[in-house]
Amino acid sequence: MMFLPPGVDAFTATLLIVISFFTSALTAAFGIGGGVAMLGALAGTVPPAVILAVHGLVQLGSNMGRAFIQKDHANWRLFGLFMVGAVIGVALGAWLFRAMPEHVLLAMLGLFILVMVWVPKPRIPGLDRAGMVLGGGISSVLTMFVGATGPFIQSLLMPLGLDRKQLVATQAVMMTAQHALKVAAFGFIGIALMPWLPLIAAMVVSGFIGTVMGTKLLDRMSERFFQIALKIVLTIVALDLLRRAAGVHLPGL
């Protein structure tokens, strides 16, 4: 079909569009999970040279819809601090692109998430301000290499006492801006995405529908259930990152 990118058949394209719906619904409800799942789905169908750029564009569309729907709950002060570091981080990440071994980045990301979720944090005045700037920089360097940094940003926000709607909405606006910066950086360094745009557009539309459904689920969820489920999901994601960093393969994979 003329609207499909090279090497992608109609069945695979349809499957990716359906997966985009479910991953966006998952992210709208919990703030994380969808980006990692989408990266896994793309891994078997998208050439390695463009996978992170395609993922970035799909996630930009998905997070933009989520940010628009949930914007009233976002903490814009934290967003501003995050962006200071994000601009610097993406520029540095574009310069370092593929220079650092992937397993080192995966291990760093996994360990950071576990620390942020389970290790008690001291109450130090100004820590949230410095942490947001630093976290924006680190996550934006990482996003150029590992793609899905939603769990990193979510774990960064968890200790700040936001309720479930504030946490998910603030992460949504941060991820939208970060993916926009990342896509711009990939374009600057010459990653060609034109053949992928029709499929990406279809995935974004499907993802927006999933976002609407996931937001309704978030509204119905209790605060306690959300916090417990979020800790469990983040821990599973972190342990899987450490598994991948160590080169351990699951049976049958």
Protein backbone atom coordinates (compact mmCIF):
# COMPACT_ATOMS: atom_id res chain seq x y z
CA MET A 1 0.00 0.00 0.00
CA MET A 2 1.28 3.46 -0.94
CA PHE A 3 0.78 4.94 2.54
CA LEU A 4 2.83 2.30 4.34
CA PRO A 5 6.54 2.76 5.05
CA PRO A 6 9.03 0.37 3.43
CA GLY A 7 9.09 -3.09 5.01
CA VAL A 8 5.74 -2.74 6.84
CA ASP A 9 2.74 -4.70 5.53
CA ALA A 10 -0.96 -3.90 6.11
CA PHE A 11 -1.36 -6.45 8.93
CA THR A 12 1.62 -5.10 10.88
CA ALA A 13 0.43 -1.52 10.40
CA THR A 14 -3.05 -2.42 11.69
CA LEU A 15 -1.52 -4.19 14.68
CA LEU A 16 0.58 -1.13 15.54
CA ILE A 17 -2.49 1.12 15.33
CA VAL A 18 -4.41 -1.17 17.71
CA ILE A 19 -1.45 -1.36 20.10
CA SER A 20 -1.27 2.44 20.11
CA PHE A 21 -4.86 2.56 21.43
CA PHE A 22 -4.13 0.22 24.35
CA THR A 23 -0.75 1.69 25.27
CA SER A 24 -2.21 5.22 25.33
CA ALA A 25 -5.08 4.06 27.54
CA LEU A 26 -2.57 2.49 29.93
CA THR A 27 -0.49 5.66 30.11
CA ALA A 28 -3.52 7.91 30.60
CA ALA A 29 -4.64 5.80 33.57
CA PHE A 30 -1.27 5.32 35.30
CA GLY A 31 1.08 7.82 33.65
CA ILE A 32 3.52 5.10 32.59
CA GLY A 33 3.77 1.76 30.84
CA GLY A 34 2.50 2.73 27.40
CA GLY A 35 5.76 4.18 26.13
CA VAL A 36 7.74 1.10 27.15
CA ALA A 37 5.12 -1.23 25.61
CA MET A 38 5.05 0.78 22.37
CA LEU A 39 8.84 0.67 22.15
CA GLY A 40 8.67 -3.11 22.44
CA ALA A 41 6.03 -3.31 19.70
CA LEU A 42 8.07 -1.14 17.36
CA ALA A 43 11.28 -3.09 18.00
CA GLY A 44 10.23 -5.97 15.78
CA THR A 45 8.94 -3.87 12.88
CA VAL A 46 10.93 -0.63 12.64
CA PRO A 47 14.54 -0.46 11.39
CA PRO A 48 16.96 0.17 14.29
CA ALA A 49 18.20 3.39 12.69
CA VAL A 50 14.79 5.09 13.03
CA ILE A 51 13.07 3.24 15.88
CA LEU A 52 13.67 5.90 18.55
CA ALA A 53 12.65 8.71 16.20
CA VAL A 54 9.42 6.93 15.17
CA HIS A 55 8.72 6.12 18.81
CA GLY A 56 9.31 9.77 19.71
CA LEU A 57 6.79 11.03 17.17
CA VAL A 58 4.13 8.48 18.20
CA GLN A 59 4.65 9.31 21.87
CA LEU A 60 4.59 13.03 21.13
CA GLY A 61 1.11 12.65 19.65
CA SER A 62 -0.06 10.39 22.46
CA ASN A 63 1.26 12.61 25.25
CA MET A 64 -0.01 15.77 23.56
CA GLY A 65 -3.56 14.40 23.66
CA ARG A 66 -3.13 13.34 27.28
CA ALA A 67 -1.67 16.72 28.25
CA PHE A 68 -4.57 18.55 26.59
CA ILE A 69 -7.22 16.47 28.35
CA GLN A 70 -5.52 16.55 31.77
CA LYS A 71 -3.87 20.03 31.64
CA ASP A 72 -6.03 21.52 34.41
CA HIS A 73 -4.39 19.19 36.94
CA ALA A 74 -0.77 19.82 35.86
CA ASN A 75 1.77 21.52 38.14
CA TRP A 76 3.20 24.15 35.78
CA ARG A 77 5.88 25.33 38.23
CA LEU A 78 7.45 21.87 38.22
CA PHE A 79 7.08 21.76 34.44
CA GLY A 80 9.03 25.01 34.06
CA LEU A 81 11.88 23.72 36.23
CA PHE A 82 11.92 20.43 34.34
CA MET A 83 12.18 22.23 30.99
CA VAL A 84 15.32 24.11 32.03
CA GLY A 85 17.13 20.79 32.35
CA ALA A 86 15.33 19.17 29.41
CA VAL A 87 16.58 21.66 26.82
CA ILE A 88 20.17 21.16 27.96
CA GLY A 89 19.73 17.39 28.24
CA VAL A 90 18.36 16.88 24.72
CA ALA A 91 21.18 18.95 23.23
CA LEU A 92 23.74 16.89 25.13
CA GLY A 93 21.95 13.64 24.25
CA ALA A 94 21.96 14.46 20.54
CA TRP A 95 25.71 15.04 20.76
CA LEU A 96 26.28 11.77 22.64
CA PHE A 97 23.80 9.76 20.50
CA ARG A 98 24.91 6.12 20.47
CA ALA A 99 28.24 7.01 22.11
CA MET A 100 27.42 5.39 25.47
CA PRO A 101 26.78 1.62 25.76
CA GLU A 102 23.05 0.93 25.99
CA HIS A 103 23.43 -1.52 28.89
CA VAL A 104 24.99 1.21 31.05
CA LEU A 105 22.07 3.56 30.42
CA LEU A 106 19.52 0.81 31.11
CA ALA A 107 21.21 -0.05 34.40
CA MET A 108 21.34 3.59 35.49
CA LEU A 109 17.68 4.09 34.67
CA GLY A 110 16.59 0.91 36.48
CA LEU A 111 18.55 1.72 39.64
CA PHE A 112 17.30 5.31 39.72
CA ILE A 113 13.66 4.20 39.51
CA LEU A 114 14.09 1.69 42.36
CA VAL A 115 15.73 4.33 44.56
CA MET A 116 13.03 6.91 43.88
CA VAL A 117 10.21 4.43 44.55
CA TRP A 118 11.51 2.61 47.64
CA VAL A 119 14.24 4.64 49.41
CA PRO A 120 12.93 7.29 51.89
CA LYS A 121 13.85 10.81 50.77
CA PRO A 122 15.03 13.47 53.25
CA ARG A 123 12.96 16.66 53.45
CA ILE A 124 15.50 19.21 52.23
CA PRO A 125 14.27 22.73 51.34
CA GLY A 126 14.67 23.40 47.61
CA LEU A 127 15.31 19.74 46.77
CA ASP A 128 12.26 19.63 44.49
CA ARG A 129 13.52 22.63 42.48
CA ALA A 130 17.05 21.32 41.99
CA GLY A 131 15.75 17.79 41.46
CA MET A 132 13.36 18.88 38.70
CA VAL A 133 16.08 20.72 36.77
CA LEU A 134 18.53 17.84 37.19
CA GLY A 135 15.87 15.24 36.43
CA GLY A 136 14.84 17.13 33.28
CA GLY A 137 18.44 17.07 32.10
CA ILE A 138 19.16 13.43 32.92
CA SER A 139 15.90 12.06 31.50
CA SER A 140 16.33 14.09 28.31
CA VAL A 141 19.82 12.69 27.75
CA LEU A 142 18.46 9.19 28.38
CA THR A 143 15.48 9.62 26.04
CA MET A 144 17.85 9.98 23.08
CA PHE A 145 19.18 6.48 23.80
CA VAL A 146 16.45 4.41 25.49
CA GLY A 147 13.32 6.17 24.20
CA ALA A 148 10.79 5.55 26.98
CA THR A 149 11.72 7.59 30.06
CA GLY A 150 8.20 7.90 31.46
CA PRO A 151 8.97 5.68 34.48
CA PHE A 152 12.03 7.85 35.24
CA ILE A 153 9.96 11.05 35.25
CA GLN A 154 7.14 9.41 37.19
CA SER A 155 9.53 8.22 39.90
CA LEU A 156 10.98 11.75 40.03
CA LEU A 157 7.52 13.18 40.76
CA MET A 158 6.37 10.50 43.22
CA PRO A 159 8.09 11.91 46.37
CA LEU A 160 6.60 15.40 45.87
CA GLY A 161 3.16 14.68 47.35
CA LEU A 162 1.08 15.18 44.20
CA ASP A 163 -2.29 13.43 44.02
CA ARG A 164 -2.93 10.91 41.24
CA LYS A 165 -4.43 13.44 38.79
CA GLN A 166 -1.69 16.03 39.38
CA LEU A 167 1.01 13.39 39.02
CA VAL A 168 -0.30 11.94 35.75
CA ALA A 169 -1.09 15.36 34.23
CA THR A 170 2.26 16.91 35.19
CA GLN A 171 4.10 13.93 33.75
CA ALA A 172 2.02 14.26 30.56
CA VAL A 173 3.04 17.88 29.89
CA MET A 174 6.67 17.06 30.71
CA MET A 175 6.72 14.08 28.35
CA THR A 176 5.02 16.09 25.57
CA ALA A 177 7.70 18.78 25.70
CA GLN A 178 10.52 16.25 26.00
CA HIS A 179 9.35 14.23 22.99
CA ALA A 180 8.96 17.45 20.96
CA LEU A 181 12.55 18.39 21.76
CA LYS A 182 13.72 14.86 20.95
CA VAL A 183 11.96 14.75 17.57
CA ALA A 184 13.48 18.13 16.69
CA ALA A 185 16.93 16.84 17.69
CA PHE A 186 16.59 13.70 15.56
CA GLY A 187 15.54 15.86 12.62
CA PHE A 188 18.57 18.07 13.17
CA ILE A 189 20.96 15.12 13.06
CA GLY A 190 19.39 13.81 9.84
CA ILE A 191 16.95 10.98 10.76
CA ALA A 192 14.46 10.74 7.84
CA LEU A 193 10.85 10.10 8.91
CA MET A 194 8.76 11.21 5.92
CA PRO A 195 7.82 7.66 4.79
CA TRP A 196 6.53 6.92 8.30
CA LEU A 197 4.27 9.96 8.74
CA PRO A 198 0.95 8.45 7.47
CA LEU A 199 1.27 5.42 9.76
CA ILE A 200 2.37 7.60 12.67
CA ALA A 201 -0.67 9.86 12.13
CA ALA A 202 -3.02 6.86 12.26
CA MET A 203 -1.34 5.63 15.46
CA VAL A 204 -1.68 9.09 17.04
CA VAL A 205 -5.43 9.20 16.29
CA SER A 206 -5.89 5.71 17.71
CA GLY A 207 -3.80 6.69 20.73
CA PHE A 208 -5.96 9.75 21.41
CA ILE A 209 -9.07 7.57 21.59
CA GLY A 210 -7.20 5.32 24.03
CA THR A 211 -6.21 8.39 26.07
CA VAL A 212 -9.87 9.40 26.47
CA MET A 213 -10.74 5.91 27.75
CA GLY A 214 -7.75 5.78 30.09
CA THR A 215 -8.56 9.19 31.59
CA LYS A 216 -12.04 7.97 32.49
CA LEU A 217 -10.45 5.02 34.28
CA LEU A 218 -8.16 7.39 36.21
CA ASP A 219 -11.18 9.41 37.38
CA ARG A 220 -12.78 6.28 38.85
CA MET A 221 -9.65 4.99 40.57
CA SER A 222 -9.07 5.44 44.30
CA GLU A 223 -5.92 7.32 45.42
CA ARG A 224 -4.66 4.36 47.50
CA PHE A 225 -5.12 1.85 44.66
CA PHE A 226 -3.35 4.20 42.23
CA GLN A 227 -0.30 4.66 44.50
CA ILE A 228 0.04 0.92 45.20
CA ALA A 229 -0.42 -0.04 41.53
CA LEU A 230 2.06 2.65 40.45
CA LYS A 231 4.75 1.35 42.83
CA ILE A 232 4.25 -2.20 41.58
CA VAL A 233 4.40 -1.21 37.90
CA LEU A 234 7.46 1.00 38.41
CA THR A 235 9.27 -1.77 40.27
CA ILE A 236 8.53 -4.29 37.51
CA VAL A 237 9.76 -1.83 34.86
CA ALA A 238 12.96 -1.12 36.85
CA LEU A 239 13.74 -4.82 37.36
CA ASP A 240 13.18 -5.49 33.65
CA LEU A 241 15.57 -2.66 32.76
CA LEU A 242 18.22 -4.21 35.02
CA ARG A 243 17.57 -7.62 33.42
CA ARG A 244 18.12 -6.14 29.97
CA ALA A 245 21.24 -4.31 31.16
CA ALA A 246 22.65 -7.61 32.42
CA GLY A 247 21.87 -9.35 29.14
CA VAL A 248 19.56 -11.92 30.76
CA HIS A 249 16.96 -13.35 28.37
CA LEU A 250 13.56 -14.57 29.53
CA PRO A 251 12.56 -18.13 28.53
CA GLY A 252 10.98 -18.21 25.10
CA LEU A 253 12.21 -14.70 24.17
